Amino acid sequence: MGEGKTAKRGKVTKRIVKKIRSISLLPPKDKRFYGLFNEMTDNLVEASEELVRLFDTPIQTRHEIEVKIHACGVRCNRVGDSIEELLLVAQQPPFDRADISDLVAKSMKVMKYIKHAANRYVIYNFPTSDKEMRELAPLIKSACLEIAAAFRKLPGDRKLGSYCDAVEQFESQADNVYHQGLSRRFAEIRQDRVDVEEQISKLTEPFPGTAESPAFLAIDKSTVEYVRHVAVFFILRQVYAELERAIDACTEVTAALRRMVSKNV
């Protein structure tokens, strides 16, 4: 009899342990945060999608797209404010209050740099976007999509490593594109300078002809091209830099997400 009771108690204990293990580790905390998280990342995704469109659209419609990106930023700010207000009154946030605030701040940085990139591009009124812009914007969009997918997993799954790793890969690709773009622009400037110097070196004393002679006109043309490429480089670098900051900010979001989740597993 004793052995039977012991076996029965053992089975009951196993069932209890199994039931405990099946219970979600997530405590029953304020779920309103999850909806706000999703709303915030939805605006990030929308802004990044509009950024991709911006670099493929003609001059006439660029301002309209910039306005849409700005509207995403306004909505994102409102969501951030709502999260901060909820942190003040919520009795049981799903994560540490400081970690949530940090995550919101990092997400807002992504939006800020997307807005800055769009604004610089529209203000400088480029005839067309260049190769690097059209490559960097989709990487930012892909990173935002991964961040949004990770946030949507928060209520029921803390295994977010694959999403965070994907964002880091996109950031690495963006670094390569960014540096290749700078290198290409520097190469154009160096070549222009070489062309000008070669043409000047071909001039003999006394200088041939007048300022309207073919030799002088060729130098003038090369000098103008050299100055144009220098000016374009310094302007483009501002757009490149904002795009690079945006993708870097995406990795800051995933780093903050990892820290936040690691304390609540």
C-alpha atoms as a PDB file:
ATOM      1  CA  MET A   1       0.000   0.000   0.000  1.00  0.00           C
ATOM      2  CA  GLY A   2       2.770   2.388   0.957  1.00  0.00           C
ATOM      3  CA  GLU A   3       4.479   1.879  -2.360  1.00  0.00           C
ATOM      4  CA  GLY A   4       1.210   2.485  -4.219  1.00  0.00           C
ATOM      5  CA  LYS A   5       0.582   5.740  -2.407  1.00  0.00           C
ATOM      6  CA  THR A   6       4.151   6.830  -3.053  1.00  0.00           C
ATOM      7  CA  ALA A   7       3.788   6.074  -6.766  1.00  0.00           C
ATOM      8  CA  LYS A   8       0.472   7.918  -6.875  1.00  0.00           C
ATOM      9  CA  ARG A   9       1.960  10.952  -5.141  1.00  0.00           C
ATOM     10  CA  GLY A  10       4.847  10.814  -7.569  1.00  0.00           C
ATOM     11  CA  LYS A  11       2.477  10.907 -10.541  1.00  0.00           C
ATOM     12  CA  VAL A  12       0.526  13.800  -9.031  1.00  0.00           C
ATOM     13  CA  THR A  13       3.757  15.679  -8.394  1.00  0.00           C
ATOM     14  CA  LYS A  14       4.860  15.135 -11.985  1.00  0.00           C
ATOM     15  CA  ARG A  15       1.529  16.422 -13.288  1.00  0.00           C
ATOM     16  CA  ILE A  16       1.810  19.515 -11.094  1.00  0.00           C
ATOM     17  CA  VAL A  17       5.365  20.168 -12.213  1.00  0.00           C
ATOM     18  CA  LYS A  18       4.356  19.671 -15.843  1.00  0.00           C
ATOM     19  CA  LYS A  19       1.453  22.084 -15.431  1.00  0.00           C
ATOM     20  CA  ILE A  20       3.688  24.685 -13.811  1.00  0.00           C
ATOM     21  CA  ARG A  21       6.164  24.394 -16.641  1.00  0.00           C
ATOM     22  CA  SER A  22       3.429  24.823 -19.213  1.00  0.00           C
ATOM     23  CA  ILE A  23       2.350  28.101 -17.671  1.00  0.00           C
ATOM     24  CA  SER A  24       3.711  31.100 -19.568  1.00  0.00           C
ATOM     25  CA  LEU A  25       6.606  32.796 -17.844  1.00  0.00           C
ATOM     26  CA  LEU A  26       5.079  36.140 -18.760  1.00  0.00           C
ATOM     27  CA  PRO A  27       3.376  37.622 -15.703  1.00  0.00           C
ATOM     28  CA  PRO A  28      -0.142  39.015 -16.060  1.00  0.00           C
ATOM     29  CA  LYS A  29       0.938  42.605 -16.435  1.00  0.00           C
ATOM     30  CA  ASP A  30      -0.422  45.666 -18.186  1.00  0.00           C
ATOM     31  CA  LYS A  31      -0.996  44.640 -21.808  1.00  0.00           C
ATOM     32  CA  ARG A  32      -1.704  48.142 -23.045  1.00  0.00           C
ATOM     33  CA  PHE A  33       2.016  48.614 -23.597  1.00  0.00           C
ATOM     34  CA  TYR A  34       2.096  45.977 -26.319  1.00  0.00           C
ATOM     35  CA  GLY A  35      -0.473  47.807 -28.422  1.00  0.00           C
ATOM     36  CA  LEU A  36       1.483  51.046 -28.098  1.00  0.00           C
ATOM     37  CA  PHE A  37       4.729  49.275 -28.985  1.00  0.00           C
ATOM     38  CA  ASN A  38       3.119  47.948 -32.156  1.00  0.00           C
ATOM     39  CA  GLU A  39       1.702  51.335 -33.047  1.00  0.00           C
ATOM     40  CA  MET A  40       5.128  52.910 -32.665  1.00  0.00           C
ATOM     41  CA  THR A  41       6.862  50.356 -34.875  1.00  0.00           C
ATOM     42  CA  ASP A  42       4.063  50.553 -37.457  1.00  0.00           C
ATOM     43  CA  ASN A  43       4.927  54.224 -37.875  1.00  0.00           C
ATOM     44  CA  LEU A  44       8.615  53.382 -38.217  1.00  0.00           C
ATOM     45  CA  VAL A  45       7.825  50.891 -40.968  1.00  0.00           C
ATOM     46  CA  GLU A  46       5.547  53.340 -42.774  1.00  0.00           C
ATOM     47  CA  ALA A  47       8.173  56.096 -42.623  1.00  0.00           C
ATOM     48  CA  SER A  48      10.858  53.750 -43.958  1.00  0.00           C
ATOM     49  CA  GLU A  49       8.573  52.674 -46.811  1.00  0.00           C
ATOM     50  CA  GLU A  50       7.967  56.306 -47.731  1.00  0.00           C
ATOM     51  CA  LEU A  51      11.726  56.910 -47.634  1.00  0.00           C
ATOM     52  CA  VAL A  52      12.219  54.186 -50.242  1.00  0.00           C
ATOM     53  CA  ARG A  53       9.538  55.832 -52.380  1.00  0.00           C
ATOM     54  CA  LEU A  54      11.141  59.249 -51.938  1.00  0.00           C
ATOM     55  CA  PHE A  55      14.362  58.200 -53.634  1.00  0.00           C
ATOM     56  CA  ASP A  56      12.436  56.846 -56.623  1.00  0.00           C
ATOM     57  CA  THR A  57      10.027  59.715 -57.129  1.00  0.00           C
ATOM     58  CA  PRO A  58      10.338  62.825 -59.350  1.00  0.00           C
ATOM     59  CA  ILE A  59      10.997  66.248 -57.883  1.00  0.00           C
ATOM     60  CA  GLN A  60       7.373  67.335 -58.224  1.00  0.00           C
ATOM     61  CA  THR A  61       6.032  64.844 -55.657  1.00  0.00           C
ATOM     62  CA  ARG A  62       8.919  64.710 -53.177  1.00  0.00           C
ATOM     63  CA  HIS A  63       7.495  67.295 -50.798  1.00  0.00           C
ATOM     64  CA  GLU A  64       4.281  65.293 -50.538  1.00  0.00           C
ATOM     65  CA  ILE A  65       6.234  62.220 -49.445  1.00  0.00           C
ATOM     66  CA  GLU A  66       8.300  64.244 -46.980  1.00  0.00           C
ATOM     67  CA  VAL A  67       5.049  65.465 -45.423  1.00  0.00           C
ATOM     68  CA  LYS A  68       3.918  61.859 -44.998  1.00  0.00           C
ATOM     69  CA  ILE A  69       7.195  60.974 -43.300  1.00  0.00           C
ATOM     70  CA  HIS A  70       6.834  63.983 -41.022  1.00  0.00           C
ATOM     71  CA  ALA A  71       3.297  62.846 -40.138  1.00  0.00           C
ATOM     72  CA  CYS A  72       4.685  59.432 -39.179  1.00  0.00           C
ATOM     73  CA  GLY A  73       7.133  61.210 -36.901  1.00  0.00           C
ATOM     74  CA  VAL A  74       4.357  63.209 -35.249  1.00  0.00           C
ATOM     75  CA  ARG A  75       2.325  60.057 -34.604  1.00  0.00           C
ATOM     76  CA  CYS A  76       5.396  58.276 -33.285  1.00  0.00           C
ATOM     77  CA  ASN A  77       6.052  61.131 -30.853  1.00  0.00           C
ATOM     78  CA  ARG A  78       2.480  60.928 -29.610  1.00  0.00           C
ATOM     79  CA  VAL A  79       2.791  57.191 -29.043  1.00  0.00           C
ATOM     80  CA  GLY A  80       6.042  57.761 -27.176  1.00  0.00           C
ATOM     81  CA  ASP A  81       4.340  60.323 -24.965  1.00  0.00           C
ATOM     82  CA  SER A  82       1.468  57.887 -24.347  1.00  0.00           C
ATOM     83  CA  ILE A  83       3.915  55.191 -23.268  1.00  0.00           C
ATOM     84  CA  GLU A  84       5.659  57.564 -20.875  1.00  0.00           C
ATOM     85  CA  GLU A  85       2.312  58.628 -19.407  1.00  0.00           C
ATOM     86  CA  LEU A  86       1.259  55.006 -19.013  1.00  0.00           C
ATOM     87  CA  LEU A  87       4.511  54.250 -17.203  1.00  0.00           C
ATOM     88  CA  LEU A  88       3.547  56.821 -14.586  1.00  0.00           C
ATOM     89  CA  VAL A  89       0.231  55.165 -13.763  1.00  0.00           C
ATOM     90  CA  ALA A  90       0.677  51.484 -14.623  1.00  0.00           C
ATOM     91  CA  GLN A  91       1.027  49.261 -11.564  1.00  0.00           C
ATOM     92  CA  GLN A  92       2.681  46.393 -13.410  1.00  0.00           C
ATOM     93  CA  PRO A  93       4.412  47.271 -16.686  1.00  0.00           C
ATOM     94  CA  PRO A  94       5.474  44.166 -18.629  1.00  0.00           C
ATOM     95  CA  PHE A  95       9.121  45.206 -18.337  1.00  0.00           C
ATOM     96  CA  ASP A  96      11.341  47.404 -16.243  1.00  0.00           C
ATOM     97  CA  ARG A  97      10.183  51.022 -16.488  1.00  0.00           C
ATOM     98  CA  ALA A  98      13.649  52.375 -17.266  1.00  0.00           C
ATOM     99  CA  ASP A  99      14.144  49.768 -19.989  1.00  0.00           C
ATOM    100  CA  ILE A 100      10.832  50.671 -21.626  1.00  0.00           C
ATOM    101  CA  SER A 101      11.752  54.362 -21.602  1.00  0.00           C
ATOM    102  CA  ASP A 102      15.134  53.562 -23.117  1.00  0.00           C
ATOM    103  CA  LEU A 103      13.544  51.424 -25.827  1.00  0.00           C
ATOM    104  CA  VAL A 104      11.124  54.221 -26.727  1.00  0.00           C
ATOM    105  CA  ALA A 105      13.966  56.758 -26.881  1.00  0.00           C
ATOM    106  CA  LYS A 106      16.012  54.501 -29.168  1.00  0.00           C
ATOM    107  CA  SER A 107      13.005  53.943 -31.452  1.00  0.00           C
ATOM    108  CA  MET A 108      12.442  57.687 -31.680  1.00  0.00           C
ATOM    109  CA  LYS A 109      16.034  58.095 -32.879  1.00  0.00           C
ATOM    110  CA  VAL A 110      15.308  55.870 -35.881  1.00  0.00           C
ATOM    111  CA  MET A 111      12.384  58.079 -36.812  1.00  0.00           C
ATOM    112  CA  LYS A 112      14.417  61.241 -36.289  1.00  0.00           C
ATOM    113  CA  TYR A 113      17.148  60.187 -38.704  1.00  0.00           C
ATOM    114  CA  ILE A 114      14.666  58.989 -41.327  1.00  0.00           C
ATOM    115  CA  LYS A 115      13.038  62.439 -41.163  1.00  0.00           C
ATOM    116  CA  HIS A 116      16.419  64.167 -41.382  1.00  0.00           C
ATOM    117  CA  ALA A 117      17.456  62.144 -44.443  1.00  0.00           C
ATOM    118  CA  ALA A 118      14.196  62.934 -46.220  1.00  0.00           C
ATOM    119  CA  ASN A 119      14.434  66.612 -45.315  1.00  0.00           C
ATOM    120  CA  ARG A 120      18.019  66.980 -46.570  1.00  0.00           C
ATOM    121  CA  TYR A 121      17.176  65.250 -49.822  1.00  0.00           C
ATOM    122  CA  VAL A 122      14.162  67.470 -50.489  1.00  0.00           C
ATOM    123  CA  ILE A 123      15.873  70.715 -49.436  1.00  0.00           C
ATOM    124  CA  TYR A 124      18.889  70.201 -51.688  1.00  0.00           C
ATOM    125  CA  ASN A 125      16.578  69.371 -54.590  1.00  0.00           C
ATOM    126  CA  PHE A 126      18.714  66.717 -56.249  1.00  0.00           C
ATOM    127  CA  PRO A 127      17.731  66.018 -59.871  1.00  0.00           C
ATOM    128  CA  THR A 128      17.753  62.299 -59.035  1.00  0.00           C
ATOM    129  CA  SER A 129      18.820  60.072 -56.172  1.00  0.00           C
ATOM    130  CA  ASP A 130      22.000  58.104 -56.521  1.00  0.00           C
ATOM    131  CA  LYS A 131      22.807  54.402 -56.255  1.00  0.00           C
ATOM    132  CA  GLU A 132      23.749  54.496 -52.569  1.00  0.00           C
ATOM    133  CA  MET A 133      20.543  56.224 -51.486  1.00  0.00           C
ATOM    134  CA  ARG A 134      18.455  53.672 -53.357  1.00  0.00           C
ATOM    135  CA  GLU A 135      20.385  50.866 -51.646  1.00  0.00           C
ATOM    136  CA  LEU A 136      20.469  52.277 -48.116  1.00  0.00           C
ATOM    137  CA  ALA A 137      16.756  53.111 -47.874  1.00  0.00           C
ATOM    138  CA  PRO A 138      15.559  49.509 -48.461  1.00  0.00           C
ATOM    139  CA  LEU A 139      18.019  48.279 -45.819  1.00  0.00           C
ATOM    140  CA  ILE A 140      16.503  50.711 -43.316  1.00  0.00           C
ATOM    141  CA  LYS A 141      13.046  49.498 -44.293  1.00  0.00           C
ATOM    142  CA  SER A 142      14.074  45.860 -43.833  1.00  0.00           C
ATOM    143  CA  ALA A 143      15.540  46.647 -40.415  1.00  0.00           C
ATOM    144  CA  CYS A 144      12.321  48.400 -39.354  1.00  0.00           C
ATOM    145  CA  LEU A 145      10.267  45.420 -40.496  1.00  0.00           C
ATOM    146  CA  GLU A 146      12.408  43.101 -38.353  1.00  0.00           C
ATOM    147  CA  ILE A 147      12.024  45.411 -35.367  1.00  0.00           C
ATOM    148  CA  ALA A 148       8.247  45.500 -35.833  1.00  0.00           C
ATOM    149  CA  ALA A 149       8.116  41.699 -36.068  1.00  0.00           C
ATOM    150  CA  ALA A 150      10.169  41.386 -32.875  1.00  0.00           C
ATOM    151  CA  PHE A 151       7.857  43.752 -30.993  1.00  0.00           C
ATOM    152  CA  ARG A 152       4.812  41.761 -32.072  1.00  0.00           C
ATOM    153  CA  LYS A 153       6.376  38.640 -30.571  1.00  0.00           C
ATOM    154  CA  LEU A 154       6.801  40.203 -27.131  1.00  0.00           C
ATOM    155  CA  PRO A 155       3.446  39.165 -25.589  1.00  0.00           C
ATOM    156  CA  GLY A 156       4.057  35.445 -26.125  1.00  0.00           C
ATOM    157  CA  ASP A 157       7.639  34.775 -27.135  1.00  0.00           C
ATOM    158  CA  ARG A 158      10.930  36.097 -25.801  1.00  0.00           C
ATOM    159  CA  LYS A 159      13.102  34.386 -28.416  1.00  0.00           C
ATOM    160  CA  LEU A 160      13.919  37.463 -30.445  1.00  0.00           C
ATOM    161  CA  GLY A 161      17.513  36.681 -31.388  1.00  0.00           C
ATOM    162  CA  SER A 162      16.797  36.001 -35.051  1.00  0.00           C
ATOM    163  CA  TYR A 163      15.161  39.407 -35.519  1.00  0.00           C
ATOM    164  CA  CYS A 164      17.970  41.228 -33.751  1.00  0.00           C
ATOM    165  CA  ASP A 165      20.616  39.331 -35.723  1.00  0.00           C
ATOM    166  CA  ALA A 166      18.876  40.224 -38.986  1.00  0.00           C
ATOM    167  CA  VAL A 167      18.964  43.929 -38.096  1.00  0.00           C
ATOM    168  CA  GLU A 168      22.686  43.690 -37.377  1.00  0.00           C
ATOM    169  CA  GLN A 169      23.239  42.078 -40.785  1.00  0.00           C
ATOM    170  CA  PHE A 170      21.354  44.890 -42.496  1.00  0.00           C
ATOM    171  CA  GLU A 171      23.459  47.415 -40.592  1.00  0.00           C
ATOM    172  CA  SER A 172      26.643  45.684 -41.775  1.00  0.00           C
ATOM    173  CA  GLN A 173      25.436  45.812 -45.382  1.00  0.00           C
ATOM    174  CA  ALA A 174      24.578  49.480 -44.972  1.00  0.00           C
ATOM    175  CA  ASP A 175      28.097  50.214 -43.708  1.00  0.00           C
ATOM    176  CA  ASN A 176      29.524  48.704 -46.879  1.00  0.00           C
ATOM    177  CA  VAL A 177      27.178  50.693 -49.107  1.00  0.00           C
ATOM    178  CA  TYR A 178      27.930  53.901 -47.205  1.00  0.00           C
ATOM    179  CA  HIS A 179      31.703  53.546 -47.458  1.00  0.00           C
ATOM    180  CA  GLN A 180      31.543  52.457 -51.087  1.00  0.00           C
ATOM    181  CA  GLY A 181      29.512  55.562 -51.870  1.00  0.00           C
ATOM    182  CA  LEU A 182      32.034  57.856 -50.192  1.00  0.00           C
ATOM    183  CA  SER A 183      34.873  56.093 -51.970  1.00  0.00           C
ATOM    184  CA  ARG A 184      33.164  56.453 -55.352  1.00  0.00           C
ATOM    185  CA  ARG A 185      32.565  60.152 -54.846  1.00  0.00           C
ATOM    186  CA  PHE A 186      36.159  60.718 -53.704  1.00  0.00           C
ATOM    187  CA  ALA A 187      37.381  58.896 -56.806  1.00  0.00           C
ATOM    188  CA  GLU A 188      35.355  61.250 -59.028  1.00  0.00           C
ATOM    189  CA  ILE A 189      36.849  64.280 -57.293  1.00  0.00           C
ATOM    190  CA  ARG A 190      40.405  62.932 -57.561  1.00  0.00           C
ATOM    191  CA  GLN A 191      39.960  62.180 -61.257  1.00  0.00           C
ATOM    192  CA  ASP A 192      38.602  65.683 -61.921  1.00  0.00           C
ATOM    193  CA  ARG A 193      41.616  67.173 -60.190  1.00  0.00           C
ATOM    194  CA  VAL A 194      44.005  65.029 -62.234  1.00  0.00           C
ATOM    195  CA  ASP A 195      42.257  66.105 -65.448  1.00  0.00           C
ATOM    196  CA  VAL A 196      42.561  69.792 -64.565  1.00  0.00           C
ATOM    197  CA  GLU A 197      46.223  69.483 -63.605  1.00  0.00           C
ATOM    198  CA  GLU A 198      47.052  67.610 -66.808  1.00  0.00           C
ATOM    199  CA  GLN A 199      45.385  70.267 -68.943  1.00  0.00           C
ATOM    200  CA  ILE A 200      47.179  73.069 -67.095  1.00  0.00           C
ATOM    201  CA  SER A 201      50.513  71.287 -67.502  1.00  0.00           C
ATOM    202  CA  LYS A 202      50.006  71.222 -71.279  1.00  0.00           C
ATOM    203  CA  LEU A 203      49.865  74.996 -71.455  1.00  0.00           C
ATOM    204  CA  THR A 204      53.136  76.571 -72.624  1.00  0.00           C
ATOM    205  CA  GLU A 205      54.554  80.047 -72.091  1.00  0.00           C
ATOM    206  CA  PRO A 206      53.455  82.373 -73.496  1.00  0.00           C
ATOM    207  CA  PHE A 207      49.907  81.135 -72.932  1.00  0.00           C
ATOM    208  CA  PRO A 208      48.387  80.183 -76.266  1.00  0.00           C
ATOM    209  CA  GLY A 209      45.639  82.372 -77.574  1.00  0.00           C
ATOM    210  CA  THR A 210      43.064  84.203 -75.493  1.00  0.00           C
ATOM    211  CA  ALA A 211      40.782  83.168 -72.647  1.00  0.00           C
ATOM    212  CA  GLU A 212      38.362  81.985 -75.336  1.00  0.00           C
ATOM    213  CA  SER A 213      40.881  79.579 -76.886  1.00  0.00           C
ATOM    214  CA  PRO A 214      40.033  75.835 -76.831  1.00  0.00           C
ATOM    215  CA  ALA A 215      42.817  75.134 -74.316  1.00  0.00           C
ATOM    216  CA  PHE A 216      41.474  77.616 -71.772  1.00  0.00           C
ATOM    217  CA  LEU A 217      37.877  76.601 -72.381  1.00  0.00           C
ATOM    218  CA  ALA A 218      38.769  72.957 -71.737  1.00  0.00           C
ATOM    219  CA  ILE A 219      40.403  73.944 -68.436  1.00  0.00           C
ATOM    220  CA  ASP A 220      37.385  76.012 -67.470  1.00  0.00           C
ATOM    221  CA  LYS A 221      35.068  73.112 -68.215  1.00  0.00           C
ATOM    222  CA  SER A 222      37.165  70.660 -66.197  1.00  0.00           C
ATOM    223  CA  THR A 223      37.417  73.104 -63.294  1.00  0.00           C
ATOM    224  CA  VAL A 224      33.660  73.567 -63.229  1.00  0.00           C
ATOM    225  CA  GLU A 225      33.200  69.783 -63.196  1.00  0.00           C
ATOM    226  CA  TYR A 226      35.717  69.477 -60.378  1.00  0.00           C
ATOM    227  CA  VAL A 227      33.962  72.133 -58.273  1.00  0.00           C
ATOM    228  CA  ARG A 228      30.572  70.580 -59.015  1.00  0.00           C
ATOM    229  CA  HIS A 229      31.679  67.144 -57.835  1.00  0.00           C
ATOM    230  CA  VAL A 230      33.185  68.623 -54.662  1.00  0.00           C
ATOM    231  CA  ALA A 231      29.955  70.482 -53.882  1.00  0.00           C
ATOM    232  CA  VAL A 232      27.789  67.453 -54.658  1.00  0.00           C
ATOM    233  CA  PHE A 233      29.977  65.270 -52.463  1.00  0.00           C
ATOM    234  CA  PHE A 234      29.608  67.475 -49.396  1.00  0.00           C
ATOM    235  CA  ILE A 235      25.860  67.748 -49.927  1.00  0.00           C
ATOM    236  CA  LEU A 236      25.367  64.034 -50.553  1.00  0.00           C
ATOM    237  CA  ARG A 237      27.458  63.173 -47.533  1.00  0.00           C
ATOM    238  CA  GLN A 238      24.822  64.786 -45.328  1.00  0.00           C
ATOM    239  CA  VAL A 239      22.115  62.529 -46.757  1.00  0.00           C
ATOM    240  CA  TYR A 240      24.387  59.468 -46.529  1.00  0.00           C
ATOM    241  CA  ALA A 241      25.202  60.306 -42.915  1.00  0.00           C
ATOM    242  CA  GLU A 242      21.543  60.554 -41.887  1.00  0.00           C
ATOM    243  CA  LEU A 243      20.754  57.243 -43.594  1.00  0.00           C
ATOM    244  CA  GLU A 244      23.712  55.626 -41.861  1.00  0.00           C
ATOM    245  CA  ARG A 245      22.587  57.026 -38.504  1.00  0.00           C
ATOM    246  CA  ALA A 246      19.101  55.634 -39.081  1.00  0.00           C
ATOM    247  CA  ILE A 247      20.333  52.078 -39.608  1.00  0.00           C
ATOM    248  CA  ASP A 248      22.737  52.426 -36.660  1.00  0.00           C
ATOM    249  CA  ALA A 249      19.800  53.533 -34.516  1.00  0.00           C
ATOM    250  CA  CYS A 250      17.967  50.355 -35.546  1.00  0.00           C
ATOM    251  CA  THR A 251      20.752  48.295 -33.956  1.00  0.00           C
ATOM    252  CA  GLU A 252      20.438  50.431 -30.825  1.00  0.00           C
ATOM    253  CA  VAL A 253      16.754  49.490 -30.692  1.00  0.00           C
ATOM    254  CA  THR A 254      17.524  45.772 -30.929  1.00  0.00           C
ATOM    255  CA  ALA A 255      20.262  46.086 -28.297  1.00  0.00           C
ATOM    256  CA  ALA A 256      17.813  47.807 -25.948  1.00  0.00           C
ATOM    257  CA  LEU A 257      15.242  45.125 -26.758  1.00  0.00           C
ATOM    258  CA  ARG A 258      17.687  42.346 -25.877  1.00  0.00           C
ATOM    259  CA  ARG A 259      18.526  43.984 -22.555  1.00  0.00           C
ATOM    260  CA  MET A 260      14.895  44.573 -21.684  1.00  0.00           C
ATOM    261  CA  VAL A 261      13.832  41.017 -22.471  1.00  0.00           C
ATOM    262  CA  SER A 262      16.852  39.396 -20.801  1.00  0.00           C
ATOM    263  CA  LYS A 263      15.689  40.762 -17.426  1.00  0.00           C
ATOM    264  CA  ASN A 264      12.240  39.232 -17.797  1.00  0.00           C
ATOM    265  CA  VAL A 265      12.871  35.748 -19.183  1.00  0.00           C
END
